[in-house]
Amino acid sequence: MAKVEENAIEDIVSALKKMEYGSLVITVHDGEITQIDTTEKKRYNMQRKQRKVPMMKANK
């Protein structure tokens, strides 16, 4: 197992602390962290309006 660089660990912890919703992807090549990608999601509470759907009439 390769030794993980301290700055990579700090970047991962920092990204996790800033994130409320989202994902963190850590890319590893040859046992070393080469990239960290974050995707942050923003969530908003939306009041749903009830829409009226007309009832289908039976064909006679």
C-alpha atoms as a PDB file:
ATOM      1  CA  MET A   1       0.000   0.000   0.000  1.00  0.00           C
ATOM      2  CA  ALA A   2       1.344   3.404  -0.997  1.00  0.00           C
ATOM      3  CA  LYS A   3       1.751   6.263   1.427  1.00  0.00           C
ATOM      4  CA  VAL A   4      -0.970   8.888   1.015  1.00  0.00           C
ATOM      5  CA  GLU A   5       0.278  12.458   0.796  1.00  0.00           C
ATOM      6  CA  GLU A   6      -0.795  14.652   3.681  1.00  0.00           C
ATOM      7  CA  ASN A   7      -2.069  17.443   1.396  1.00  0.00           C
ATOM      8  CA  ALA A   8      -4.363  14.968  -0.402  1.00  0.00           C
ATOM      9  CA  ILE A   9      -5.898  13.955   2.929  1.00  0.00           C
ATOM     10  CA  GLU A  10      -6.335  17.609   3.890  1.00  0.00           C
ATOM     11  CA  ASP A  11      -8.037  18.346   0.549  1.00  0.00           C
ATOM     12  CA  ILE A  12     -10.415  15.399   0.986  1.00  0.00           C
ATOM     13  CA  VAL A  13     -11.367  16.402   4.534  1.00  0.00           C
ATOM     14  CA  SER A  14     -11.805  20.031   3.469  1.00  0.00           C
ATOM     15  CA  ALA A  15     -14.078  19.070   0.568  1.00  0.00           C
ATOM     16  CA  LEU A  16     -16.210  16.892   2.851  1.00  0.00           C
ATOM     17  CA  LYS A  17     -16.586  19.647   5.435  1.00  0.00           C
ATOM     18  CA  LYS A  18     -17.796  22.132   2.790  1.00  0.00           C
ATOM     19  CA  MET A  19     -20.293  19.730   1.232  1.00  0.00           C
ATOM     20  CA  GLU A  20     -23.914  19.508   2.305  1.00  0.00           C
ATOM     21  CA  TYR A  21     -25.218  17.357  -0.564  1.00  0.00           C
ATOM     22  CA  GLY A  22     -23.132  15.846  -3.316  1.00  0.00           C
ATOM     23  CA  SER A  23     -20.394  13.368  -4.043  1.00  0.00           C
ATOM     24  CA  LEU A  24     -16.637  13.101  -3.750  1.00  0.00           C
ATOM     25  CA  VAL A  25     -14.714  10.911  -6.188  1.00  0.00           C
ATOM     26  CA  ILE A  26     -11.102   9.986  -5.468  1.00  0.00           C
ATOM     27  CA  THR A  27      -9.117   8.753  -8.465  1.00  0.00           C
ATOM     28  CA  VAL A  28      -6.164   6.457  -7.729  1.00  0.00           C
ATOM     29  CA  HIS A  29      -3.432   5.361 -10.170  1.00  0.00           C
ATOM     30  CA  ASP A  30      -0.652   2.978  -9.196  1.00  0.00           C
ATOM     31  CA  GLY A  31      -1.669   3.211  -5.549  1.00  0.00           C
ATOM     32  CA  GLU A  32      -1.513   7.022  -5.381  1.00  0.00           C
ATOM     33  CA  ILE A  33      -4.281   9.610  -5.299  1.00  0.00           C
ATOM     34  CA  THR A  34      -4.089  11.525  -8.549  1.00  0.00           C
ATOM     35  CA  GLN A  35      -7.345  13.459  -8.589  1.00  0.00           C
ATOM     36  CA  ILE A  36     -10.257  14.518  -6.412  1.00  0.00           C
ATOM     37  CA  ASP A  37     -13.584  15.502  -8.005  1.00  0.00           C
ATOM     38  CA  THR A  38     -16.518  16.977  -6.137  1.00  0.00           C
ATOM     39  CA  THR A  39     -20.070  17.411  -7.325  1.00  0.00           C
ATOM     40  CA  GLU A  40     -22.216  19.611  -5.160  1.00  0.00           C
ATOM     41  CA  LYS A  41     -25.982  19.555  -5.232  1.00  0.00           C
ATOM     42  CA  LYS A  42     -28.155  22.463  -4.237  1.00  0.00           C
ATOM     43  CA  ARG A  43     -31.572  21.515  -2.945  1.00  0.00           C
ATOM     44  CA  TYR A  44     -34.484  23.891  -2.738  1.00  0.00           C
ATOM     45  CA  ASN A  45     -37.820  23.314  -1.062  1.00  0.00           C
ATOM     46  CA  MET A  46     -40.498  23.840  -3.640  1.00  0.00           C
ATOM     47  CA  GLN A  47     -44.183  23.866  -2.890  1.00  0.00           C
ATOM     48  CA  ARG A  48     -45.896  21.659  -5.389  1.00  0.00           C
ATOM     49  CA  LYS A  49     -49.022  23.045  -6.907  1.00  0.00           C
ATOM     50  CA  GLN A  50     -51.718  20.462  -7.247  1.00  0.00           C
ATOM     51  CA  ARG A  51     -52.795  20.338 -10.814  1.00  0.00           C
ATOM     52  CA  LYS A  52     -56.210  19.155 -11.735  1.00  0.00           C
ATOM     53  CA  VAL A  53     -56.225  16.249 -14.120  1.00  0.00           C
ATOM     54  CA  PRO A  54     -59.513  15.879 -15.954  1.00  0.00           C
ATOM     55  CA  MET A  55     -61.245  12.548 -15.533  1.00  0.00           C
ATOM     56  CA  MET A  56     -61.412  10.510 -18.709  1.00  0.00           C
ATOM     57  CA  LYS A  57     -64.945   9.887 -19.917  1.00  0.00           C
ATOM     58  CA  ALA A  58     -65.897   6.389 -20.900  1.00  0.00           C
ATOM     59  CA  ASN A  59     -66.857   5.992 -24.563  1.00  0.00           C
ATOM     60  CA  LYS A  60     -70.456   4.926 -25.080  1.00  0.00           C
END
